[in-house]
Amino acid sequence: MDKLLIVSSSDQGRKFLTELCAAQSLGRPSVAENGAQARRMLIDDCYDLIVINAPLRDEFGQELALGLTQSTDAGIILLVKGEMADAVSAKVEDYGVLVLAKPLSKQLFFQSVKMVAASRRRLLGLQTENIKLQHKIEEIRMVDRAKCALIQYLGFTEPQAHRYIEKQAMDLRQTRREVAESILKTYES
């Protein structure tokens, strides 16, 4: 975890969490004293992990955690009083927020940080795979549009259009996408 954000309204909570992060060699975290300040900080910067020590001065912290799941891919840990942990967890766990009960042990915090980091790495891997697949789908659509242009304007059959695009890509040492773009530029402009 390279970048951490601690959101805590209490001085004692900020100090405790900062020391925990230092003990785990997580680096020096950024600190916000309330939800509004945390939101402003997140406009300018991205974080790998956000630890929210509820309650905050301007809100409980659950709202902040839920909002951050929509606007960031950071791992989020929400610290709440022990008697409230189950109720809060039921509301936020479906959104990927990890709820820990206070008082907090160092061991539980470290294990939770590792679990959030592992989950975040997996999520980022899935996002990367999703982006690759979207690009592939976009390429297939473009090649199909180019085939349709060849069929419409040059009277090719679908297999002939497919072969033409493949052959042009090999002969010109271009990708199928580049050949398709060239065909579309020629016939659809």
N, C-alpha and C. Protein backbone atom coordinates (compact mmCIF):
# COMPACT_ATOMS: atom_id res chain seq x y z
N MET A 1 0.84 -1.17 0.00
CA MET A 1 0.00 0.00 0.00
C MET A 1 0.89 1.23 0.00
N ASP A 2 0.81 1.98 -1.07
CA ASP A 2 1.65 3.16 -1.18
C ASP A 2 1.03 4.39 -0.53
N LYS A 3 -0.26 4.60 -0.77
CA LYS A 3 -0.89 5.82 -0.28
C LYS A 3 -2.07 5.47 0.61
N LEU A 4 -2.02 6.00 1.83
CA LEU A 4 -3.07 5.74 2.81
C LEU A 4 -3.71 7.05 3.22
N LEU A 5 -4.99 6.98 3.53
CA LEU A 5 -5.71 8.12 4.08
C LEU A 5 -6.40 7.66 5.35
N ILE A 6 -6.13 8.37 6.44
CA ILE A 6 -6.81 8.12 7.70
C ILE A 6 -7.80 9.25 7.92
N VAL A 7 -9.05 8.89 8.16
CA VAL A 7 -10.09 9.88 8.44
C VAL A 7 -10.56 9.65 9.87
N SER A 8 -10.23 10.59 10.76
CA SER A 8 -10.57 10.45 12.17
C SER A 8 -10.73 11.83 12.78
N SER A 9 -11.82 12.02 13.53
CA SER A 9 -12.05 13.31 14.17
C SER A 9 -11.33 13.43 15.50
N SER A 10 -10.95 12.31 16.10
CA SER A 10 -10.28 12.37 17.40
C SER A 10 -8.77 12.37 17.23
N ASP A 11 -8.11 13.22 18.01
CA ASP A 11 -6.65 13.27 17.97
C ASP A 11 -6.05 11.93 18.37
N GLN A 12 -6.63 11.32 19.39
CA GLN A 12 -6.14 10.03 19.87
C GLN A 12 -6.26 8.96 18.78
N GLY A 13 -7.37 8.94 18.07
CA GLY A 13 -7.57 7.98 16.99
C GLY A 13 -6.59 8.18 15.85
N ARG A 14 -6.38 9.45 15.46
CA ARG A 14 -5.41 9.75 14.39
C ARG A 14 -4.01 9.29 14.79
N LYS A 15 -3.63 9.60 16.03
CA LYS A 15 -2.29 9.23 16.51
C LYS A 15 -2.13 7.70 16.53
N PHE A 16 -3.13 7.00 17.07
CA PHE A 16 -3.07 5.54 17.16
C PHE A 16 -2.96 4.90 15.78
N LEU A 17 -3.80 5.34 14.85
CA LEU A 17 -3.79 4.76 13.50
C LEU A 17 -2.51 5.10 12.75
N THR A 18 -2.00 6.30 12.93
CA THR A 18 -0.74 6.69 12.29
C THR A 18 0.41 5.82 12.80
N GLU A 19 0.42 5.58 14.12
CA GLU A 19 1.46 4.73 14.71
C GLU A 19 1.33 3.29 14.22
N LEU A 20 0.10 2.80 14.10
CA LEU A 20 -0.11 1.44 13.57
C LEU A 20 0.44 1.32 12.16
N CYS A 21 0.18 2.32 11.34
CA CYS A 21 0.66 2.29 9.95
C CYS A 21 2.18 2.33 9.91
N ALA A 22 2.78 3.13 10.77
CA ALA A 22 4.24 3.22 10.82
C ALA A 22 4.83 1.89 11.28
N ALA A 23 4.20 1.24 12.26
CA ALA A 23 4.69 -0.05 12.76
C ALA A 23 4.62 -1.13 11.69
N GLN A 24 3.66 -1.03 10.79
CA GLN A 24 3.48 -2.01 9.73
C GLN A 24 4.27 -1.64 8.48
N SER A 25 5.01 -0.54 8.54
CA SER A 25 5.78 -0.03 7.39
C SER A 25 4.86 0.28 6.21
N LEU A 26 3.72 0.85 6.50
CA LEU A 26 2.77 1.21 5.45
C LEU A 26 3.02 2.61 4.92
N GLY A 27 4.01 3.27 5.45
CA GLY A 27 4.31 4.62 5.00
C GLY A 27 3.62 5.65 5.86
N ARG A 28 3.86 6.89 5.55
CA ARG A 28 3.24 7.98 6.30
C ARG A 28 1.90 8.32 5.66
N PRO A 29 0.82 8.10 6.40
CA PRO A 29 -0.50 8.34 5.82
C PRO A 29 -0.86 9.82 5.79
N SER A 30 -1.75 10.17 4.88
CA SER A 30 -2.38 11.48 4.90
C SER A 30 -3.51 11.40 5.92
N VAL A 31 -3.85 12.53 6.51
CA VAL A 31 -4.85 12.53 7.57
C VAL A 31 -5.92 13.57 7.28
N ALA A 32 -7.18 13.18 7.45
CA ALA A 32 -8.31 14.10 7.34
C ALA A 32 -9.07 14.05 8.65
N GLU A 33 -9.59 15.20 9.09
CA GLU A 33 -10.27 15.26 10.38
C GLU A 33 -11.78 15.04 10.28
N ASN A 34 -12.33 15.11 9.06
CA ASN A 34 -13.77 14.89 8.91
C ASN A 34 -14.06 14.43 7.48
N GLY A 35 -15.32 14.10 7.24
CA GLY A 35 -15.71 13.59 5.93
C GLY A 35 -15.54 14.59 4.81
N ALA A 36 -15.87 15.85 5.08
CA ALA A 36 -15.74 16.88 4.04
C ALA A 36 -14.29 17.07 3.63
N GLN A 37 -13.39 17.10 4.60
CA GLN A 37 -11.97 17.25 4.29
C GLN A 37 -11.46 16.04 3.50
N ALA A 38 -11.91 14.85 3.87
CA ALA A 38 -11.50 13.64 3.15
C ALA A 38 -11.97 13.70 1.70
N ARG A 39 -13.20 14.14 1.47
CA ARG A 39 -13.71 14.24 0.10
C ARG A 39 -12.89 15.23 -0.72
N ARG A 40 -12.52 16.36 -0.10
CA ARG A 40 -11.69 17.35 -0.81
C ARG A 40 -10.33 16.76 -1.15
N MET A 41 -9.74 16.02 -0.22
CA MET A 41 -8.43 15.41 -0.47
C MET A 41 -8.50 14.40 -1.60
N LEU A 42 -9.62 13.70 -1.70
CA LEU A 42 -9.77 12.67 -2.73
C LEU A 42 -10.01 13.26 -4.11
N ILE A 43 -10.36 14.53 -4.19
CA ILE A 43 -10.48 15.19 -5.49
C ILE A 43 -9.11 15.34 -6.12
N ASP A 44 -8.11 15.64 -5.29
CA ASP A 44 -6.76 15.92 -5.78
C ASP A 44 -5.85 14.70 -5.81
N ASP A 45 -6.20 13.65 -5.09
CA ASP A 45 -5.26 12.54 -4.93
C ASP A 45 -6.00 11.21 -4.92
N CYS A 46 -5.27 10.15 -5.23
CA CYS A 46 -5.81 8.78 -5.18
C CYS A 46 -5.12 8.04 -4.05
N TYR A 47 -5.85 7.18 -3.38
CA TYR A 47 -5.30 6.42 -2.27
C TYR A 47 -5.54 4.94 -2.49
N ASP A 48 -4.64 4.13 -1.93
CA ASP A 48 -4.79 2.68 -2.02
C ASP A 48 -5.67 2.14 -0.90
N LEU A 49 -5.59 2.80 0.27
CA LEU A 49 -6.35 2.36 1.44
C LEU A 49 -6.88 3.59 2.16
N ILE A 50 -8.14 3.51 2.57
CA ILE A 50 -8.75 4.58 3.36
C ILE A 50 -9.30 3.94 4.63
N VAL A 51 -8.85 4.46 5.78
CA VAL A 51 -9.31 3.98 7.08
C VAL A 51 -10.16 5.08 7.69
N ILE A 52 -11.42 4.77 7.97
CA ILE A 52 -12.35 5.75 8.54
C ILE A 52 -12.64 5.34 9.98
N ASN A 53 -12.32 6.23 10.92
CA ASN A 53 -12.55 5.99 12.34
C ASN A 53 -13.85 6.69 12.73
N ALA A 54 -14.95 5.94 12.75
CA ALA A 54 -16.27 6.53 13.04
C ALA A 54 -16.47 6.66 14.55
N PRO A 55 -17.25 7.61 15.00
CA PRO A 55 -17.96 8.63 14.22
C PRO A 55 -17.05 9.82 13.91
N LEU A 56 -17.39 10.52 12.85
CA LEU A 56 -16.66 11.73 12.47
C LEU A 56 -17.43 12.94 12.99
N ARG A 57 -16.78 14.10 12.98
CA ARG A 57 -17.43 15.32 13.47
C ARG A 57 -18.65 15.71 12.65
N ASP A 58 -18.55 15.58 11.34
CA ASP A 58 -19.61 16.08 10.47
C ASP A 58 -20.57 15.00 9.96
N GLU A 59 -20.28 13.75 10.24
CA GLU A 59 -21.14 12.64 9.83
C GLU A 59 -20.68 11.39 10.56
N PHE A 60 -21.42 10.31 10.39
CA PHE A 60 -21.03 9.09 11.10
C PHE A 60 -19.79 8.45 10.48
N GLY A 61 -19.73 8.40 9.17
CA GLY A 61 -18.60 7.77 8.48
C GLY A 61 -19.07 6.70 7.51
N GLN A 62 -20.22 6.13 7.80
CA GLN A 62 -20.80 5.11 6.92
C GLN A 62 -21.14 5.72 5.56
N GLU A 63 -21.68 6.94 5.57
CA GLU A 63 -22.04 7.63 4.33
C GLU A 63 -20.78 7.90 3.50
N LEU A 64 -19.73 8.33 4.17
CA LEU A 64 -18.46 8.58 3.49
C LEU A 64 -17.94 7.30 2.85
N ALA A 65 -17.96 6.21 3.61
CA ALA A 65 -17.47 4.93 3.10
C ALA A 65 -18.25 4.48 1.87
N LEU A 66 -19.58 4.59 1.93
CA LEU A 66 -20.41 4.18 0.79
C LEU A 66 -20.15 5.06 -0.42
N GLY A 67 -20.01 6.36 -0.20
CA GLY A 67 -19.72 7.27 -1.31
C GLY A 67 -18.38 6.98 -1.95
N LEU A 68 -17.40 6.63 -1.14
CA LEU A 68 -16.06 6.36 -1.66
C LEU A 68 -16.01 5.08 -2.48
N THR A 69 -16.89 4.13 -2.18
CA THR A 69 -16.91 2.91 -2.99
C THR A 69 -17.32 3.20 -4.42
N GLN A 70 -18.08 4.28 -4.61
CA GLN A 70 -18.53 4.64 -5.96
C GLN A 70 -17.51 5.49 -6.71
N SER A 71 -16.68 6.23 -5.97
CA SER A 71 -15.80 7.20 -6.62
C SER A 71 -14.32 6.82 -6.61
N THR A 72 -13.96 5.74 -5.95
CA THR A 72 -12.55 5.36 -5.87
C THR A 72 -12.42 3.84 -5.87
N ASP A 73 -11.25 3.35 -6.23
CA ASP A 73 -11.02 1.90 -6.16
C ASP A 73 -10.16 1.54 -4.95
N ALA A 74 -10.06 2.45 -4.00
CA ALA A 74 -9.29 2.20 -2.78
C ALA A 74 -9.99 1.17 -1.91
N GLY A 75 -9.19 0.43 -1.14
CA GLY A 75 -9.74 -0.43 -0.12
C GLY A 75 -10.22 0.44 1.03
N ILE A 76 -11.36 0.10 1.62
CA ILE A 76 -11.92 0.94 2.68
C ILE A 76 -12.17 0.11 3.92
N ILE A 77 -11.61 0.59 5.04
CA ILE A 77 -11.83 -0.03 6.34
C ILE A 77 -12.57 0.99 7.20
N LEU A 78 -13.69 0.58 7.78
CA LEU A 78 -14.50 1.45 8.64
C LEU A 78 -14.42 0.91 10.06
N LEU A 79 -13.92 1.74 10.98
CA LEU A 79 -13.80 1.36 12.38
C LEU A 79 -14.99 1.92 13.15
N VAL A 80 -15.74 1.05 13.82
CA VAL A 80 -16.92 1.48 14.59
C VAL A 80 -16.91 0.83 15.96
N LYS A 81 -17.72 1.38 16.88
CA LYS A 81 -17.83 0.81 18.22
C LYS A 81 -18.33 -0.62 18.12
N GLY A 82 -17.84 -1.46 19.02
CA GLY A 82 -18.15 -2.89 18.99
C GLY A 82 -19.62 -3.22 18.92
N GLU A 83 -20.45 -2.50 19.69
CA GLU A 83 -21.88 -2.82 19.72
C GLU A 83 -22.60 -2.45 18.43
N MET A 84 -21.98 -1.60 17.61
CA MET A 84 -22.61 -1.17 16.35
C MET A 84 -22.05 -1.92 15.14
N ALA A 85 -21.00 -2.68 15.32
CA ALA A 85 -20.27 -3.28 14.20
C ALA A 85 -21.16 -4.15 13.31
N ASP A 86 -21.97 -5.01 13.90
CA ASP A 86 -22.79 -5.91 13.09
C ASP A 86 -23.83 -5.15 12.27
N ALA A 87 -24.47 -4.16 12.89
CA ALA A 87 -25.51 -3.39 12.19
C ALA A 87 -24.90 -2.58 11.04
N VAL A 88 -23.77 -1.94 11.30
CA VAL A 88 -23.12 -1.14 10.26
C VAL A 88 -22.59 -2.05 9.15
N SER A 89 -22.01 -3.17 9.54
CA SER A 89 -21.46 -4.11 8.57
C SER A 89 -22.55 -4.61 7.62
N ALA A 90 -23.73 -4.87 8.15
CA ALA A 90 -24.83 -5.34 7.31
C ALA A 90 -25.20 -4.32 6.24
N LYS A 91 -25.00 -3.04 6.54
CA LYS A 91 -25.36 -1.98 5.59
C LYS A 91 -24.29 -1.73 4.54
N VAL A 92 -23.02 -1.97 4.88
CA VAL A 92 -21.94 -1.56 3.97
C VAL A 92 -21.13 -2.70 3.36
N GLU A 93 -21.25 -3.89 3.89
CA GLU A 93 -20.38 -4.98 3.42
C GLU A 93 -20.65 -5.36 1.96
N ASP A 94 -21.88 -5.19 1.49
CA ASP A 94 -22.18 -5.51 0.09
C ASP A 94 -21.50 -4.56 -0.88
N TYR A 95 -21.03 -3.44 -0.38
CA TYR A 95 -20.34 -2.45 -1.22
C TYR A 95 -18.82 -2.59 -1.16
N GLY A 96 -18.34 -3.57 -0.40
CA GLY A 96 -16.91 -3.81 -0.33
C GLY A 96 -16.20 -3.09 0.80
N VAL A 97 -16.95 -2.60 1.77
CA VAL A 97 -16.35 -1.91 2.91
C VAL A 97 -16.14 -2.93 4.03
N LEU A 98 -14.93 -2.97 4.57
CA LEU A 98 -14.62 -3.88 5.67
C LEU A 98 -14.85 -3.14 6.98
N VAL A 99 -15.68 -3.69 7.86
CA VAL A 99 -15.99 -3.06 9.14
C VAL A 99 -15.24 -3.79 10.24
N LEU A 100 -14.52 -3.03 11.06
CA LEU A 100 -13.81 -3.58 12.21
C LEU A 100 -14.36 -2.94 13.48
N ALA A 101 -14.51 -3.76 14.52
CA ALA A 101 -15.04 -3.27 15.80
C ALA A 101 -13.92 -2.69 16.64
N LYS A 102 -14.24 -1.60 17.35
CA LYS A 102 -13.31 -1.01 18.30
C LYS A 102 -13.68 -1.54 19.68
N PRO A 103 -12.75 -1.73 20.57
CA PRO A 103 -11.32 -1.45 20.46
C PRO A 103 -10.64 -2.41 19.48
N LEU A 104 -9.61 -1.90 18.86
CA LEU A 104 -8.96 -2.58 17.75
C LEU A 104 -7.61 -3.13 18.18
N SER A 105 -7.37 -4.40 17.89
CA SER A 105 -6.05 -4.96 18.18
C SER A 105 -5.13 -4.74 16.98
N LYS A 106 -3.85 -4.63 17.25
CA LYS A 106 -2.88 -4.42 16.17
C LYS A 106 -2.92 -5.58 15.19
N GLN A 107 -2.99 -6.80 15.71
CA GLN A 107 -2.98 -7.99 14.86
C GLN A 107 -4.17 -8.00 13.91
N LEU A 108 -5.35 -7.68 14.43
CA LEU A 108 -6.55 -7.66 13.58
C LEU A 108 -6.43 -6.57 12.52
N PHE A 109 -5.90 -5.42 12.90
CA PHE A 109 -5.74 -4.33 11.94
C PHE A 109 -4.78 -4.74 10.83
N PHE A 110 -3.64 -5.33 11.19
CA PHE A 110 -2.66 -5.74 10.18
C PHE A 110 -3.24 -6.79 9.24
N GLN A 111 -3.94 -7.77 9.80
CA GLN A 111 -4.55 -8.81 8.96
C GLN A 111 -5.60 -8.20 8.02
N SER A 112 -6.35 -7.25 8.53
CA SER A 112 -7.38 -6.60 7.72
C SER A 112 -6.76 -5.80 6.59
N VAL A 113 -5.67 -5.10 6.87
CA VAL A 113 -4.98 -4.32 5.84
C VAL A 113 -4.47 -5.26 4.75
N LYS A 114 -3.91 -6.40 5.15
CA LYS A 114 -3.42 -7.37 4.16
C LYS A 114 -4.56 -7.92 3.32
N MET A 115 -5.69 -8.20 3.96
CA MET A 115 -6.83 -8.74 3.23
C MET A 115 -7.38 -7.71 2.24
N VAL A 116 -7.48 -6.46 2.68
CA VAL A 116 -7.96 -5.40 1.79
C VAL A 116 -6.99 -5.21 0.63
N ALA A 117 -5.69 -5.27 0.90
CA ALA A 117 -4.69 -5.11 -0.16
C ALA A 117 -4.81 -6.24 -1.18
N ALA A 118 -4.98 -7.47 -0.70
CA ALA A 118 -5.12 -8.61 -1.61
C ALA A 118 -6.39 -8.48 -2.45
N SER A 119 -7.48 -8.08 -1.82
CA SER A 119 -8.74 -7.90 -2.55
C SER A 119 -8.61 -6.79 -3.59
N ARG A 120 -7.92 -5.73 -3.22
CA ARG A 120 -7.75 -4.60 -4.15
C ARG A 120 -6.91 -5.02 -5.35
N ARG A 121 -5.83 -5.79 -5.11
CA ARG A 121 -5.01 -6.26 -6.23
C ARG A 121 -5.84 -7.13 -7.17
N ARG A 122 -6.65 -7.97 -6.61
CA ARG A 122 -7.50 -8.84 -7.44
C ARG A 122 -8.49 -8.00 -8.24
N LEU A 123 -9.09 -7.01 -7.59
CA LEU A 123 -10.04 -6.13 -8.28
C LEU A 123 -9.36 -5.38 -9.41
N LEU A 124 -8.17 -4.86 -9.17
CA LEU A 124 -7.45 -4.13 -10.21
C LEU A 124 -7.09 -5.05 -11.38
N GLY A 125 -6.75 -6.30 -11.08
CA GLY A 125 -6.48 -7.27 -12.13
C GLY A 125 -7.72 -7.53 -12.98
N LEU A 126 -8.86 -7.64 -12.33
CA LEU A 126 -10.12 -7.84 -13.06
C LEU A 126 -10.48 -6.62 -13.89
N GLN A 127 -10.21 -5.43 -13.36
CA GLN A 127 -10.47 -4.21 -14.12
C GLN A 127 -9.59 -4.16 -15.37
N THR A 128 -8.33 -4.54 -15.23
CA THR A 128 -7.42 -4.55 -16.37
C THR A 128 -7.91 -5.54 -17.42
N GLU A 129 -8.32 -6.71 -16.98
CA GLU A 129 -8.85 -7.73 -17.90
C GLU A 129 -10.11 -7.22 -18.60
N ASN A 130 -10.96 -6.54 -17.85
CA ASN A 130 -12.19 -5.98 -18.42
C ASN A 130 -11.87 -4.95 -19.50
N ILE A 131 -10.90 -4.11 -19.26
CA ILE A 131 -10.50 -3.10 -20.25
C ILE A 131 -9.97 -3.77 -21.51
N LYS A 132 -9.15 -4.81 -21.34
CA LYS A 132 -8.63 -5.54 -22.51
C LYS A 132 -9.78 -6.13 -23.33
N LEU A 133 -10.74 -6.72 -22.64
CA LEU A 133 -11.88 -7.32 -23.34
C LEU A 133 -12.72 -6.27 -24.05
N GLN A 134 -12.89 -5.11 -23.44
CA GLN A 134 -13.64 -4.04 -24.09
C GLN A 134 -12.94 -3.56 -25.35
N HIS A 135 -11.60 -3.46 -25.30
CA HIS A 135 -10.85 -3.06 -26.49
C HIS A 135 -10.99 -4.12 -27.59
N LYS A 136 -10.96 -5.38 -27.19
CA LYS A 136 -11.11 -6.47 -28.16
C LYS A 136 -12.49 -6.42 -28.82
N ILE A 137 -13.52 -6.19 -28.02
CA ILE A 137 -14.88 -6.08 -28.56
C ILE A 137 -14.97 -4.90 -29.52
N GLU A 138 -14.36 -3.79 -29.14
CA GLU A 138 -14.35 -2.61 -30.00
C GLU A 138 -13.65 -2.90 -31.33
N GLU A 139 -12.54 -3.64 -31.26
CA GLU A 139 -11.82 -4.00 -32.49
C GLU A 139 -12.68 -4.90 -33.37
N ILE A 140 -13.34 -5.88 -32.78
CA ILE A 140 -14.20 -6.79 -33.54
C ILE A 140 -15.32 -6.01 -34.22
N ARG A 141 -15.92 -5.07 -33.50
CA ARG A 141 -16.99 -4.27 -34.10
C ARG A 141 -16.48 -3.45 -35.27
N MET A 142 -15.28 -2.88 -35.12
CA MET A 142 -14.73 -2.06 -36.19
C MET A 142 -14.42 -2.93 -37.42
N VAL A 143 -13.85 -4.11 -37.19
CA VAL A 143 -13.55 -5.01 -38.30
C VAL A 143 -14.85 -5.45 -38.98
N ASP A 144 -15.88 -5.71 -38.20
CA ASP A 144 -17.17 -6.09 -38.79
C ASP A 144 -17.77 -4.95 -39.61
N ARG A 145 -17.63 -3.72 -39.13
CA ARG A 145 -18.11 -2.57 -39.91
C ARG A 145 -17.33 -2.45 -41.22
N ALA A 146 -16.01 -2.70 -41.16
CA ALA A 146 -15.20 -2.64 -42.38
C ALA A 146 -15.62 -3.74 -43.35
N LYS A 147 -15.91 -4.94 -42.83
CA LYS A 147 -16.39 -6.02 -43.69
C LYS A 147 -17.70 -5.61 -44.37
N CYS A 148 -18.59 -5.00 -43.61
CA CYS A 148 -19.87 -4.56 -44.19
C CYS A 148 -19.64 -3.52 -45.28
N ALA A 149 -18.68 -2.63 -45.07
CA ALA A 149 -18.36 -1.63 -46.10
C ALA A 149 -17.84 -2.31 -47.36
N LEU A 150 -16.97 -3.31 -47.20
CA LEU A 150 -16.44 -4.03 -48.36
C LEU A 150 -17.56 -4.79 -49.09
N ILE A 151 -18.45 -5.37 -48.33
CA ILE A 151 -19.58 -6.09 -48.92
C ILE A 151 -20.49 -5.12 -49.68
N GLN A 152 -20.76 -3.99 -49.06
CA GLN A 152 -21.68 -3.02 -49.65
C GLN A 152 -21.09 -2.32 -50.87
N TYR A 153 -19.85 -1.87 -50.76
CA TYR A 153 -19.29 -1.04 -51.83
C TYR A 153 -18.53 -1.82 -52.90
N LEU A 154 -17.93 -2.96 -52.53
CA LEU A 154 -17.14 -3.71 -53.50
C LEU A 154 -17.76 -5.05 -53.87
N GLY A 155 -18.89 -5.38 -53.27
CA GLY A 155 -19.58 -6.61 -53.62
C GLY A 155 -18.90 -7.87 -53.10
N PHE A 156 -18.04 -7.75 -52.09
CA PHE A 156 -17.39 -8.93 -51.51
C PHE A 156 -18.42 -9.77 -50.77
N THR A 157 -18.12 -11.07 -50.65
CA THR A 157 -18.87 -11.91 -49.73
C THR A 157 -18.22 -11.74 -48.35
N GLU A 158 -18.88 -12.23 -47.32
CA GLU A 158 -18.30 -12.09 -45.97
C GLU A 158 -16.95 -12.79 -45.86
N PRO A 159 -16.80 -14.03 -46.36
CA PRO A 159 -15.47 -14.67 -46.30
C PRO A 159 -14.42 -13.90 -47.10
N GLN A 160 -14.81 -13.34 -48.24
CA GLN A 160 -13.84 -12.56 -49.03
C GLN A 160 -13.42 -11.30 -48.27
N ALA A 161 -14.37 -10.63 -47.66
CA ALA A 161 -14.06 -9.42 -46.89
C ALA A 161 -13.14 -9.76 -45.71
N HIS A 162 -13.44 -10.87 -45.05
CA HIS A 162 -12.62 -11.31 -43.92
C HIS A 162 -11.19 -11.59 -44.39
N ARG A 163 -11.08 -12.34 -45.46
CA ARG A 163 -9.75 -12.69 -46.00
C ARG A 163 -9.01 -11.43 -46.45
N TYR A 164 -9.71 -10.49 -47.07
CA TYR A 164 -9.08 -9.26 -47.54
C TYR A 164 -8.47 -8.49 -46.36
N ILE A 165 -9.23 -8.36 -45.29
CA ILE A 165 -8.74 -7.62 -44.11
C ILE A 165 -7.54 -8.34 -43.50
N GLU A 166 -7.64 -9.66 -43.37
CA GLU A 166 -6.53 -10.44 -42.81
C GLU A 166 -5.28 -10.30 -43.68
N LYS A 167 -5.44 -10.42 -45.00
CA LYS A 167 -4.30 -10.35 -45.93
C LYS A 167 -3.67 -8.97 -45.90
N GLN A 168 -4.50 -7.92 -45.90
CA GLN A 168 -3.98 -6.55 -45.84
C GLN A 168 -3.18 -6.34 -44.54
N ALA A 169 -3.70 -6.87 -43.46
CA ALA A 169 -3.01 -6.72 -42.17
C ALA A 169 -1.64 -7.39 -42.22
N MET A 170 -1.57 -8.57 -42.80
CA MET A 170 -0.28 -9.26 -42.90
C MET A 170 0.65 -8.56 -43.88
N ASP A 171 0.14 -8.21 -45.05
CA ASP A 171 0.98 -7.59 -46.08
C ASP A 171 1.51 -6.23 -45.64
N LEU A 172 0.68 -5.45 -44.99
CA LEU A 172 1.07 -4.10 -44.59
C LEU A 172 1.68 -4.04 -43.19
N ARG A 173 1.72 -5.20 -42.54
CA ARG A 173 2.23 -5.29 -41.16
C ARG A 173 1.50 -4.30 -40.25
N GLN A 174 0.20 -4.36 -40.34
CA GLN A 174 -0.66 -3.55 -39.51
C GLN A 174 -1.60 -4.47 -38.75
N THR A 175 -2.24 -3.91 -37.75
CA THR A 175 -3.25 -4.70 -37.04
C THR A 175 -4.52 -4.71 -37.87
N ARG A 176 -5.38 -5.66 -37.56
CA ARG A 176 -6.68 -5.71 -38.24
C ARG A 176 -7.46 -4.42 -37.99
N ARG A 177 -7.30 -3.87 -36.81
CA ARG A 177 -7.98 -2.63 -36.47
C ARG A 177 -7.52 -1.48 -37.37
N GLU A 178 -6.22 -1.38 -37.59
CA GLU A 178 -5.69 -0.31 -38.44
C GLU A 178 -6.19 -0.46 -39.88
N VAL A 179 -6.22 -1.69 -40.37
CA VAL A 179 -6.74 -1.93 -41.72
C VAL A 179 -8.22 -1.56 -41.77
N ALA A 180 -8.97 -1.96 -40.75
CA ALA A 180 -10.40 -1.65 -40.71
C ALA A 180 -10.62 -0.14 -40.67
N GLU A 181 -9.82 0.58 -39.89
CA GLU A 181 -9.94 2.04 -39.83
C GLU A 181 -9.70 2.66 -41.20
N SER A 182 -8.70 2.15 -41.90
CA SER A 182 -8.38 2.66 -43.23
C SER A 182 -9.54 2.41 -44.20
N ILE A 183 -10.11 1.22 -44.15
CA ILE A 183 -11.25 0.89 -45.01
C ILE A 183 -12.44 1.79 -44.69
N LEU A 184 -12.71 1.98 -43.41
CA LEU A 184 -13.84 2.81 -43.01
C LEU A 184 -13.63 4.27 -43.40
N LYS A 185 -12.39 4.72 -43.31
CA LYS A 185 -12.08 6.09 -43.70
C LYS A 185 -12.33 6.28 -45.19
N THR A 186 -11.97 5.26 -45.96
CA THR A 186 -12.14 5.33 -47.41
C THR A 186 -13.61 5.30 -47.82
N TYR A 187 -14.38 4.38 -47.24
CA TYR A 187 -15.73 4.15 -47.73
C TYR A 187 -16.84 4.83 -46.92
N GLU A 188 -16.56 5.26 -45.72
CA GLU A 188 -17.62 5.88 -44.92
C GLU A 188 -17.46 7.38 -44.77
N SER A 189 -16.50 7.99 -45.45
CA SER A 189 -16.36 9.44 -45.33
C SER A 189 -17.14 10.17 -46.38
